[in-house]
Amino acid sequence: MAIPVDALIGKSLKEDELEGVRELVYNYLDLCNEQTYLRTKKRITKDTWIDWCAGIRQNLERPALKNVWLEVKTEAPGTFSFLEQLEAHEYLVDPASRNF
């Protein structure tokens, strides 16, 4: 099962869609956190990171994803610490740099 297209293009979801989407978005957040971690270890190239980072930022601005991200940060801070750092740096600092 995948995150519904409506959520990815910023449309509102129906109440009955929200619960299933929460779990999918949580899994997506886990993936984003892992991608950010891999960049801290320089396991991916800078060009790949630039693409991934742009996608992460765009997706986390979409309402359905943004709401789940806010919930996770509030209810379980530190769960996705690399992703939290990325956001704190406004997606501008390369995780592979010393300034991350």
N, C-alpha and C. Protein backbone atom coordinates (compact mmCIF):
# COMPACT_ATOMS: atom_id res chain seq x y z
N MET A 1 0.85 -1.17 0.00
CA MET A 1 0.00 0.00 0.00
C MET A 1 0.90 1.24 0.00
N ALA A 2 0.48 2.26 -0.70
CA ALA A 2 1.27 3.48 -0.84
C ALA A 2 0.48 4.68 -0.31
N ILE A 3 1.21 5.74 -0.03
CA ILE A 3 0.57 6.99 0.37
C ILE A 3 -0.32 7.44 -0.78
N PRO A 4 -1.59 7.76 -0.51
CA PRO A 4 -2.51 8.16 -1.58
C PRO A 4 -2.01 9.38 -2.35
N VAL A 5 -2.28 9.39 -3.62
CA VAL A 5 -1.88 10.50 -4.48
C VAL A 5 -2.45 11.81 -3.95
N ASP A 6 -3.69 11.79 -3.50
CA ASP A 6 -4.29 13.02 -2.97
C ASP A 6 -3.42 13.64 -1.88
N ALA A 7 -2.87 12.81 -0.99
CA ALA A 7 -2.01 13.32 0.07
C ALA A 7 -0.72 13.90 -0.50
N LEU A 8 -0.20 13.26 -1.54
CA LEU A 8 1.07 13.70 -2.13
C LEU A 8 0.94 14.97 -2.96
N ILE A 9 -0.27 15.27 -3.41
CA ILE A 9 -0.46 16.51 -4.17
C ILE A 9 -1.13 17.60 -3.34
N GLY A 10 -1.27 17.33 -2.05
CA GLY A 10 -1.74 18.35 -1.13
C GLY A 10 -3.23 18.46 -0.94
N LYS A 11 -4.00 17.50 -1.45
CA LYS A 11 -5.45 17.54 -1.26
C LYS A 11 -5.81 17.03 0.13
N SER A 12 -6.96 17.46 0.61
CA SER A 12 -7.47 16.97 1.88
C SER A 12 -7.93 15.53 1.72
N LEU A 13 -7.74 14.78 2.79
CA LEU A 13 -8.16 13.38 2.78
C LEU A 13 -9.46 13.23 3.55
N LYS A 14 -10.21 12.21 3.20
CA LYS A 14 -11.44 11.91 3.92
C LYS A 14 -11.08 11.29 5.26
N GLU A 15 -11.97 11.44 6.21
CA GLU A 15 -11.74 10.95 7.57
C GLU A 15 -11.35 9.47 7.59
N ASP A 16 -12.01 8.66 6.78
CA ASP A 16 -11.73 7.21 6.79
C ASP A 16 -10.38 6.87 6.15
N GLU A 17 -9.77 7.80 5.44
CA GLU A 17 -8.46 7.58 4.83
C GLU A 17 -7.31 7.92 5.77
N LEU A 18 -7.58 8.77 6.74
CA LEU A 18 -6.52 9.33 7.57
C LEU A 18 -5.76 8.30 8.39
N GLU A 19 -6.44 7.36 9.01
CA GLU A 19 -5.77 6.41 9.90
C GLU A 19 -4.75 5.55 9.15
N GLY A 20 -5.12 5.01 7.99
CA GLY A 20 -4.19 4.22 7.21
C GLY A 20 -3.02 5.04 6.70
N VAL A 21 -3.28 6.28 6.39
CA VAL A 21 -2.25 7.16 5.88
C VAL A 21 -1.23 7.48 6.97
N ARG A 22 -1.66 7.61 8.20
CA ARG A 22 -0.74 7.92 9.29
C ARG A 22 0.40 6.91 9.36
N GLU A 23 0.06 5.64 9.28
CA GLU A 23 1.09 4.60 9.35
C GLU A 23 2.02 4.66 8.14
N LEU A 24 1.46 4.90 6.97
CA LEU A 24 2.29 5.01 5.76
C LEU A 24 3.22 6.21 5.85
N VAL A 25 2.72 7.32 6.34
CA VAL A 25 3.56 8.52 6.48
C VAL A 25 4.64 8.27 7.52
N TYR A 26 4.31 7.60 8.60
CA TYR A 26 5.31 7.27 9.61
C TYR A 26 6.44 6.46 8.97
N ASN A 27 6.10 5.50 8.15
CA ASN A 27 7.12 4.70 7.46
C ASN A 27 7.94 5.57 6.50
N TYR A 28 7.29 6.51 5.85
CA TYR A 28 8.00 7.45 4.97
C TYR A 28 8.97 8.30 5.79
N LEU A 29 8.55 8.77 6.96
CA LEU A 29 9.44 9.55 7.83
C LEU A 29 10.66 8.73 8.23
N ASP A 30 10.43 7.46 8.50
CA ASP A 30 11.54 6.58 8.84
C ASP A 30 12.53 6.47 7.67
N LEU A 31 12.00 6.36 6.46
CA LEU A 31 12.84 6.32 5.27
C LEU A 31 13.64 7.63 5.13
N CYS A 32 12.98 8.76 5.30
CA CYS A 32 13.66 10.06 5.19
C CYS A 32 14.75 10.20 6.23
N ASN A 33 14.48 9.73 7.44
CA ASN A 33 15.48 9.77 8.50
C ASN A 33 16.69 8.91 8.12
N GLU A 34 16.43 7.74 7.56
CA GLU A 34 17.51 6.85 7.13
C GLU A 34 18.31 7.47 5.99
N GLN A 35 17.64 8.11 5.06
CA GLN A 35 18.34 8.78 3.96
C GLN A 35 19.26 9.88 4.50
N THR A 36 18.75 10.64 5.47
CA THR A 36 19.55 11.70 6.06
C THR A 36 20.75 11.12 6.80
N TYR A 37 20.52 10.05 7.54
CA TYR A 37 21.61 9.37 8.23
C TYR A 37 22.68 8.89 7.24
N LEU A 38 22.24 8.29 6.14
CA LEU A 38 23.20 7.80 5.14
C LEU A 38 24.05 8.93 4.59
N ARG A 39 23.46 10.11 4.44
CA ARG A 39 24.25 11.25 3.96
C ARG A 39 25.25 11.70 5.03
N THR A 40 24.88 11.62 6.31
CA THR A 40 25.85 12.00 7.35
C THR A 40 27.08 11.11 7.29
N LYS A 41 26.89 9.87 6.88
CA LYS A 41 27.99 8.91 6.78
C LYS A 41 28.66 8.93 5.40
N LYS A 42 28.20 9.84 4.55
CA LYS A 42 28.71 9.98 3.18
C LYS A 42 28.57 8.70 2.37
N ARG A 43 27.49 7.99 2.63
CA ARG A 43 27.22 6.75 1.91
C ARG A 43 26.47 7.01 0.60
N ILE A 44 26.01 8.25 0.42
CA ILE A 44 25.38 8.65 -0.83
C ILE A 44 26.05 9.93 -1.33
N THR A 45 25.97 10.14 -2.63
CA THR A 45 26.64 11.30 -3.23
C THR A 45 25.90 12.59 -2.92
N LYS A 46 26.61 13.69 -3.07
CA LYS A 46 26.01 15.00 -2.86
C LYS A 46 24.87 15.23 -3.86
N ASP A 47 25.06 14.84 -5.12
CA ASP A 47 24.00 15.03 -6.12
C ASP A 47 22.74 14.25 -5.75
N THR A 48 22.92 13.02 -5.30
CA THR A 48 21.76 12.22 -4.86
C THR A 48 21.10 12.89 -3.67
N TRP A 49 21.92 13.36 -2.72
CA TRP A 49 21.37 14.03 -1.54
C TRP A 49 20.55 15.26 -1.91
N ILE A 50 21.04 16.04 -2.83
CA ILE A 50 20.31 17.24 -3.25
C ILE A 50 18.92 16.86 -3.75
N ASP A 51 18.83 15.81 -4.54
CA ASP A 51 17.53 15.35 -5.04
C ASP A 51 16.65 14.83 -3.91
N TRP A 52 17.21 14.00 -3.06
CA TRP A 52 16.44 13.44 -1.95
C TRP A 52 15.95 14.55 -1.02
N CYS A 53 16.82 15.47 -0.69
CA CYS A 53 16.47 16.55 0.24
C CYS A 53 15.32 17.40 -0.31
N ALA A 54 15.39 17.70 -1.58
CA ALA A 54 14.31 18.49 -2.21
C ALA A 54 12.98 17.74 -2.10
N GLY A 55 13.01 16.45 -2.35
CA GLY A 55 11.79 15.64 -2.25
C GLY A 55 11.26 15.57 -0.83
N ILE A 56 12.16 15.38 0.12
CA ILE A 56 11.75 15.33 1.53
C ILE A 56 11.07 16.64 1.92
N ARG A 57 11.71 17.74 1.58
CA ARG A 57 11.16 19.05 1.94
C ARG A 57 9.78 19.28 1.31
N GLN A 58 9.67 18.99 0.04
CA GLN A 58 8.39 19.19 -0.65
C GLN A 58 7.30 18.32 -0.03
N ASN A 59 7.62 17.07 0.22
CA ASN A 59 6.60 16.16 0.76
C ASN A 59 6.18 16.53 2.18
N LEU A 60 7.13 16.97 3.00
CA LEU A 60 6.78 17.32 4.38
C LEU A 60 6.02 18.63 4.47
N GLU A 61 5.91 19.36 3.38
CA GLU A 61 5.08 20.56 3.35
C GLU A 61 3.63 20.26 2.98
N ARG A 62 3.37 19.06 2.51
CA ARG A 62 2.01 18.68 2.14
C ARG A 62 1.20 18.42 3.42
N PRO A 63 -0.05 18.90 3.48
CA PRO A 63 -0.82 18.86 4.72
C PRO A 63 -0.88 17.49 5.42
N ALA A 64 -1.19 16.43 4.72
CA ALA A 64 -1.33 15.13 5.37
C ALA A 64 -0.01 14.67 5.98
N LEU A 65 1.09 14.87 5.26
CA LEU A 65 2.40 14.47 5.76
C LEU A 65 2.86 15.40 6.87
N LYS A 66 2.60 16.68 6.69
CA LYS A 66 3.00 17.69 7.68
C LYS A 66 2.34 17.42 9.02
N ASN A 67 1.06 17.06 8.99
CA ASN A 67 0.33 16.80 10.23
C ASN A 67 0.90 15.61 10.99
N VAL A 68 1.21 14.55 10.28
CA VAL A 68 1.78 13.37 10.94
C VAL A 68 3.18 13.70 11.47
N TRP A 69 3.96 14.42 10.68
CA TRP A 69 5.31 14.81 11.10
C TRP A 69 5.23 15.63 12.38
N LEU A 70 4.32 16.58 12.45
CA LEU A 70 4.15 17.40 13.65
C LEU A 70 3.75 16.53 14.84
N GLU A 71 2.85 15.60 14.60
CA GLU A 71 2.42 14.70 15.67
C GLU A 71 3.60 13.88 16.20
N VAL A 72 4.41 13.33 15.32
CA VAL A 72 5.55 12.52 15.75
C VAL A 72 6.55 13.37 16.53
N LYS A 73 6.85 14.57 16.01
CA LYS A 73 7.81 15.44 16.71
C LYS A 73 7.30 15.84 18.09
N THR A 74 5.99 16.02 18.22
CA THR A 74 5.41 16.44 19.49
C THR A 74 5.29 15.28 20.48
N GLU A 75 4.79 14.17 20.00
CA GLU A 75 4.51 13.03 20.87
C GLU A 75 5.72 12.14 21.14
N ALA A 76 6.66 12.12 20.21
CA ALA A 76 7.83 11.24 20.36
C ALA A 76 9.08 11.95 19.83
N PRO A 77 9.43 13.08 20.46
CA PRO A 77 10.59 13.83 19.96
C PRO A 77 11.85 12.95 19.99
N GLY A 78 12.68 13.16 18.97
CA GLY A 78 13.91 12.39 18.87
C GLY A 78 13.78 11.08 18.14
N THR A 79 12.56 10.67 17.83
CA THR A 79 12.36 9.41 17.11
C THR A 79 13.10 9.43 15.78
N PHE A 80 13.00 10.54 15.09
CA PHE A 80 13.68 10.70 13.80
C PHE A 80 14.65 11.88 13.93
N SER A 81 15.68 11.68 14.71
CA SER A 81 16.58 12.78 15.08
C SER A 81 17.32 13.38 13.89
N PHE A 82 17.69 12.56 12.91
CA PHE A 82 18.39 13.12 11.75
C PHE A 82 17.47 14.01 10.93
N LEU A 83 16.23 13.57 10.79
CA LEU A 83 15.25 14.36 10.05
C LEU A 83 14.92 15.65 10.82
N GLU A 84 14.84 15.56 12.13
CA GLU A 84 14.60 16.75 12.94
C GLU A 84 15.74 17.77 12.77
N GLN A 85 16.97 17.29 12.75
CA GLN A 85 18.11 18.18 12.53
C GLN A 85 18.05 18.83 11.15
N LEU A 86 17.70 18.02 10.15
CA LEU A 86 17.60 18.55 8.80
C LEU A 86 16.59 19.69 8.75
N GLU A 87 15.45 19.49 9.35
CA GLU A 87 14.42 20.52 9.38
C GLU A 87 14.90 21.74 10.19
N ALA A 88 15.56 21.50 11.30
CA ALA A 88 16.06 22.61 12.13
C ALA A 88 17.04 23.48 11.35
N HIS A 89 17.77 22.87 10.43
CA HIS A 89 18.69 23.62 9.58
C HIS A 89 18.01 24.12 8.30
N GLU A 90 16.67 24.03 8.29
CA GLU A 90 15.86 24.49 7.16
C GLU A 90 16.27 23.85 5.83
N TYR A 91 16.73 22.61 5.91
CA TYR A 91 17.11 21.81 4.73
C TYR A 91 18.27 22.40 3.95
N LEU A 92 19.00 23.33 4.57
CA LEU A 92 20.06 24.05 3.86
C LEU A 92 21.46 23.52 4.15
N VAL A 93 21.63 22.81 5.24
CA VAL A 93 22.96 22.32 5.61
C VAL A 93 23.07 20.85 5.20
N ASP A 94 24.14 20.54 4.50
CA ASP A 94 24.40 19.17 4.06
C ASP A 94 24.71 18.33 5.30
N PRO A 95 23.96 17.25 5.51
CA PRO A 95 24.23 16.39 6.68
C PRO A 95 25.65 15.83 6.73
N ALA A 96 26.32 15.80 5.60
CA ALA A 96 27.70 15.30 5.57
C ALA A 96 28.69 16.35 6.06
N SER A 97 28.24 17.56 6.28
CA SER A 97 29.16 18.64 6.69
C SER A 97 29.34 18.65 8.21
N ARG A 98 30.33 19.33 8.65
CA ARG A 98 30.60 19.48 10.09
C ARG A 98 29.53 20.32 10.79
N ASN A 99 28.84 21.14 10.03
CA ASN A 99 27.85 22.05 10.62
C ASN A 99 26.50 21.42 10.88
N PHE A 100 26.37 20.15 10.61
CA PHE A 100 25.07 19.50 10.77
C PHE A 100 24.90 19.03 12.20
